[in-house]
């Protein structure tokens, strides 16, 4: 089980809201902290990969079960 510092429940939200909320939460976090994000948007898998590449935050892990995605992002 991955440890995390904060959790964002973005289930039911569609693009771009999961990314915008993630960006907002990460902004208030300390470098090295982990954010867990729950999402149901089918585009979230690609969105979070691109977000991590563009912002320099590390996408530590990503999983999907029954169209529910779980992302762990490490603040840069």
N, C-alpha and C. Protein backbone atom coordinates (compact mmCIF):
# COMPACT_ATOMS: atom_id res chain seq x y z
N UNK A 1 0.85 -1.20 0.00
CA UNK A 1 0.00 0.00 0.00
C UNK A 1 0.88 1.25 0.00
N UNK A 2 0.62 2.09 -0.95
CA UNK A 2 1.36 3.35 -1.09
C UNK A 2 0.94 4.33 0.00
N UNK A 3 1.92 4.93 0.66
CA UNK A 3 1.62 5.97 1.65
C UNK A 3 1.42 7.29 0.92
N UNK A 4 0.61 8.19 1.51
CA UNK A 4 0.37 9.48 0.90
C UNK A 4 0.10 10.52 1.98
N UNK A 5 0.28 11.79 1.61
CA UNK A 5 0.12 12.90 2.54
C UNK A 5 -1.26 13.55 2.45
N UNK A 6 -1.81 13.61 1.24
CA UNK A 6 -3.14 14.19 1.04
C UNK A 6 -3.88 13.36 0.01
N UNK A 7 -5.21 13.47 0.05
CA UNK A 7 -6.04 12.72 -0.90
C UNK A 7 -7.04 13.66 -1.55
N UNK A 8 -7.25 13.48 -2.85
CA UNK A 8 -8.22 14.26 -3.61
C UNK A 8 -9.22 13.29 -4.23
N UNK A 9 -10.48 13.46 -3.91
CA UNK A 9 -11.54 12.63 -4.52
C UNK A 9 -12.13 13.42 -5.69
N UNK A 10 -11.70 13.08 -6.90
CA UNK A 10 -12.18 13.76 -8.10
C UNK A 10 -13.15 12.86 -8.88
N UNK A 11 -13.69 11.85 -8.21
CA UNK A 11 -14.64 10.95 -8.88
C UNK A 11 -15.88 11.75 -9.26
N UNK A 12 -16.36 11.50 -10.48
CA UNK A 12 -17.55 12.20 -10.97
C UNK A 12 -17.23 13.50 -11.69
N UNK A 13 -16.01 13.98 -11.56
CA UNK A 13 -15.61 15.21 -12.25
C UNK A 13 -15.03 14.85 -13.62
N UNK A 14 -15.24 15.74 -14.59
CA UNK A 14 -14.70 15.50 -15.93
C UNK A 14 -13.66 16.57 -16.26
N UNK A 15 -12.82 16.25 -17.23
CA UNK A 15 -11.74 17.12 -17.66
C UNK A 15 -12.28 18.53 -17.93
N UNK A 16 -11.64 19.56 -17.47
CA UNK A 16 -10.30 19.60 -16.87
C UNK A 16 -10.30 19.62 -15.33
N UNK A 17 -11.47 19.43 -14.70
CA UNK A 17 -11.56 19.61 -13.25
C UNK A 17 -10.62 18.72 -12.42
N UNK A 18 -10.47 17.42 -12.72
CA UNK A 18 -9.54 16.63 -11.90
C UNK A 18 -8.11 17.19 -11.92
N UNK A 19 -7.66 17.64 -13.08
CA UNK A 19 -6.31 18.20 -13.20
C UNK A 19 -6.23 19.55 -12.49
N UNK A 20 -7.23 20.40 -12.65
CA UNK A 20 -7.22 21.71 -12.00
C UNK A 20 -7.20 21.57 -10.48
N UNK A 21 -8.01 20.66 -9.95
CA UNK A 21 -8.03 20.45 -8.49
C UNK A 21 -6.70 19.87 -8.01
N UNK A 22 -6.11 18.98 -8.82
CA UNK A 22 -4.82 18.39 -8.47
C UNK A 22 -3.75 19.47 -8.42
N UNK A 23 -3.73 20.32 -9.45
CA UNK A 23 -2.75 21.40 -9.51
C UNK A 23 -2.88 22.32 -8.30
N UNK A 24 -4.12 22.64 -7.94
CA UNK A 24 -4.39 23.51 -6.80
C UNK A 24 -3.88 22.88 -5.49
N UNK A 25 -4.17 21.61 -5.27
CA UNK A 25 -3.74 20.94 -4.04
C UNK A 25 -2.23 20.79 -3.98
N UNK A 26 -1.61 20.41 -5.10
CA UNK A 26 -0.15 20.25 -5.14
C UNK A 26 0.54 21.58 -4.83
N UNK A 27 -0.07 22.69 -5.24
CA UNK A 27 0.50 24.01 -5.00
C UNK A 27 0.71 24.31 -3.52
N UNK A 28 -0.13 23.72 -2.68
CA UNK A 28 -0.03 23.95 -1.25
C UNK A 28 0.77 22.90 -0.51
N UNK A 29 1.34 21.96 -1.26
CA UNK A 29 2.08 20.87 -0.63
C UNK A 29 3.59 21.15 -0.66
N UNK A 30 4.32 20.42 0.16
CA UNK A 30 5.76 20.56 0.27
C UNK A 30 6.43 19.57 -0.70
N UNK A 31 7.56 19.96 -1.26
CA UNK A 31 8.31 19.10 -2.18
C UNK A 31 8.55 17.73 -1.55
N UNK A 32 8.25 16.68 -2.33
CA UNK A 32 8.45 15.32 -1.85
C UNK A 32 7.20 14.67 -1.28
N UNK A 33 6.17 15.49 -0.99
CA UNK A 33 4.94 14.92 -0.47
C UNK A 33 4.17 14.20 -1.57
N UNK A 34 3.33 13.25 -1.17
CA UNK A 34 2.57 12.43 -2.12
C UNK A 34 1.08 12.78 -2.04
N UNK A 35 0.48 12.97 -3.23
CA UNK A 35 -0.95 13.23 -3.34
C UNK A 35 -1.60 12.02 -4.00
N UNK A 36 -2.64 11.49 -3.36
CA UNK A 36 -3.43 10.40 -3.94
C UNK A 36 -4.66 11.02 -4.58
N UNK A 37 -4.92 10.67 -5.84
CA UNK A 37 -6.08 11.20 -6.56
C UNK A 37 -6.96 10.04 -7.03
N UNK A 38 -8.24 10.14 -6.72
CA UNK A 38 -9.23 9.18 -7.21
C UNK A 38 -10.01 9.87 -8.32
N UNK A 39 -10.18 9.20 -9.46
CA UNK A 39 -10.87 9.80 -10.60
C UNK A 39 -11.64 8.75 -11.38
N UNK A 40 -12.70 9.20 -12.05
CA UNK A 40 -13.50 8.30 -12.89
C UNK A 40 -13.56 8.77 -14.34
N UNK A 41 -13.00 9.92 -14.65
CA UNK A 41 -12.99 10.45 -16.02
C UNK A 41 -12.17 9.50 -16.90
N UNK A 42 -12.77 8.98 -17.99
CA UNK A 42 -12.04 8.05 -18.87
C UNK A 42 -10.74 8.63 -19.43
N UNK A 43 -10.66 9.95 -19.56
CA UNK A 43 -9.46 10.59 -20.08
C UNK A 43 -8.39 10.83 -19.04
N UNK A 44 -8.68 10.51 -17.79
CA UNK A 44 -7.77 10.82 -16.69
C UNK A 44 -6.40 10.15 -16.83
N UNK A 45 -6.38 8.94 -17.35
CA UNK A 45 -5.12 8.21 -17.48
C UNK A 45 -4.11 9.01 -18.31
N UNK A 46 -4.53 9.46 -19.46
CA UNK A 46 -3.66 10.27 -20.33
C UNK A 46 -3.41 11.64 -19.71
N UNK A 47 -4.48 12.26 -19.19
CA UNK A 47 -4.37 13.60 -18.61
C UNK A 47 -3.31 13.67 -17.52
N UNK A 48 -3.29 12.67 -16.63
CA UNK A 48 -2.34 12.71 -15.52
C UNK A 48 -0.91 12.42 -15.97
N UNK A 49 -0.76 11.59 -17.00
CA UNK A 49 0.58 11.35 -17.54
C UNK A 49 1.14 12.64 -18.14
N UNK A 50 0.33 13.33 -18.91
CA UNK A 50 0.75 14.58 -19.55
C UNK A 50 0.99 15.66 -18.49
N UNK A 51 0.10 15.73 -17.50
CA UNK A 51 0.25 16.71 -16.42
C UNK A 51 1.59 16.53 -15.70
N UNK A 52 1.92 15.29 -15.39
CA UNK A 52 3.18 15.01 -14.70
C UNK A 52 4.38 15.43 -15.56
N UNK A 53 4.34 15.09 -16.83
CA UNK A 53 5.44 15.47 -17.74
C UNK A 53 5.59 16.98 -17.83
N UNK A 54 4.47 17.69 -17.96
CA UNK A 54 4.51 19.13 -18.16
C UNK A 54 4.89 19.91 -16.91
N UNK A 55 4.56 19.37 -15.73
CA UNK A 55 4.79 20.12 -14.49
C UNK A 55 6.04 19.67 -13.74
N UNK A 56 6.60 18.51 -14.11
CA UNK A 56 7.78 18.01 -13.41
C UNK A 56 7.45 17.26 -12.13
N UNK A 57 6.16 17.13 -11.82
CA UNK A 57 5.76 16.30 -10.68
C UNK A 57 5.83 14.84 -11.13
N UNK A 58 6.19 13.95 -10.21
CA UNK A 58 6.39 12.55 -10.57
C UNK A 58 5.10 11.76 -10.40
N UNK A 59 4.69 11.05 -11.47
CA UNK A 59 3.56 10.14 -11.38
C UNK A 59 4.13 8.83 -10.84
N UNK A 60 4.01 8.63 -9.53
CA UNK A 60 4.62 7.49 -8.85
C UNK A 60 3.95 6.19 -9.26
N UNK A 61 2.62 6.19 -9.29
CA UNK A 61 1.90 5.00 -9.73
C UNK A 61 0.50 5.37 -10.19
N UNK A 62 -0.06 4.43 -10.95
CA UNK A 62 -1.38 4.64 -11.52
C UNK A 62 -2.03 3.27 -11.63
N UNK A 63 -3.28 3.16 -11.21
CA UNK A 63 -3.99 1.89 -11.36
C UNK A 63 -5.44 2.17 -11.71
N UNK A 64 -6.12 1.13 -12.22
CA UNK A 64 -7.51 1.28 -12.63
C UNK A 64 -8.25 0.01 -12.27
N UNK A 65 -9.39 0.18 -11.60
CA UNK A 65 -10.26 -0.94 -11.26
C UNK A 65 -11.69 -0.52 -11.53
N UNK A 66 -12.36 -1.23 -12.42
CA UNK A 66 -13.76 -0.93 -12.75
C UNK A 66 -13.98 0.55 -13.09
N UNK A 67 -13.15 1.07 -13.96
CA UNK A 67 -13.23 2.47 -14.43
C UNK A 67 -13.04 3.50 -13.31
N UNK A 68 -12.38 3.09 -12.24
CA UNK A 68 -11.99 4.04 -11.20
C UNK A 68 -10.47 4.06 -11.15
N UNK A 69 -9.91 5.24 -11.38
CA UNK A 69 -8.46 5.38 -11.44
C UNK A 69 -7.92 5.88 -10.10
N UNK A 70 -6.73 5.40 -9.76
CA UNK A 70 -6.03 5.88 -8.57
C UNK A 70 -4.64 6.31 -9.02
N UNK A 71 -4.30 7.56 -8.75
CA UNK A 71 -2.99 8.12 -9.12
C UNK A 71 -2.27 8.55 -7.85
N UNK A 72 -0.96 8.34 -7.84
CA UNK A 72 -0.12 8.86 -6.76
C UNK A 72 0.91 9.78 -7.40
N UNK A 73 0.86 11.04 -7.04
CA UNK A 73 1.78 12.05 -7.59
C UNK A 73 2.69 12.57 -6.50
N UNK A 74 3.97 12.67 -6.84
CA UNK A 74 4.95 13.22 -5.89
C UNK A 74 5.26 14.64 -6.28
N UNK A 75 5.06 15.57 -5.34
CA UNK A 75 5.30 16.99 -5.59
C UNK A 75 6.79 17.23 -5.87
N UNK A 76 7.08 17.97 -6.92
CA UNK A 76 8.48 18.24 -7.27
C UNK A 76 9.11 19.24 -6.34
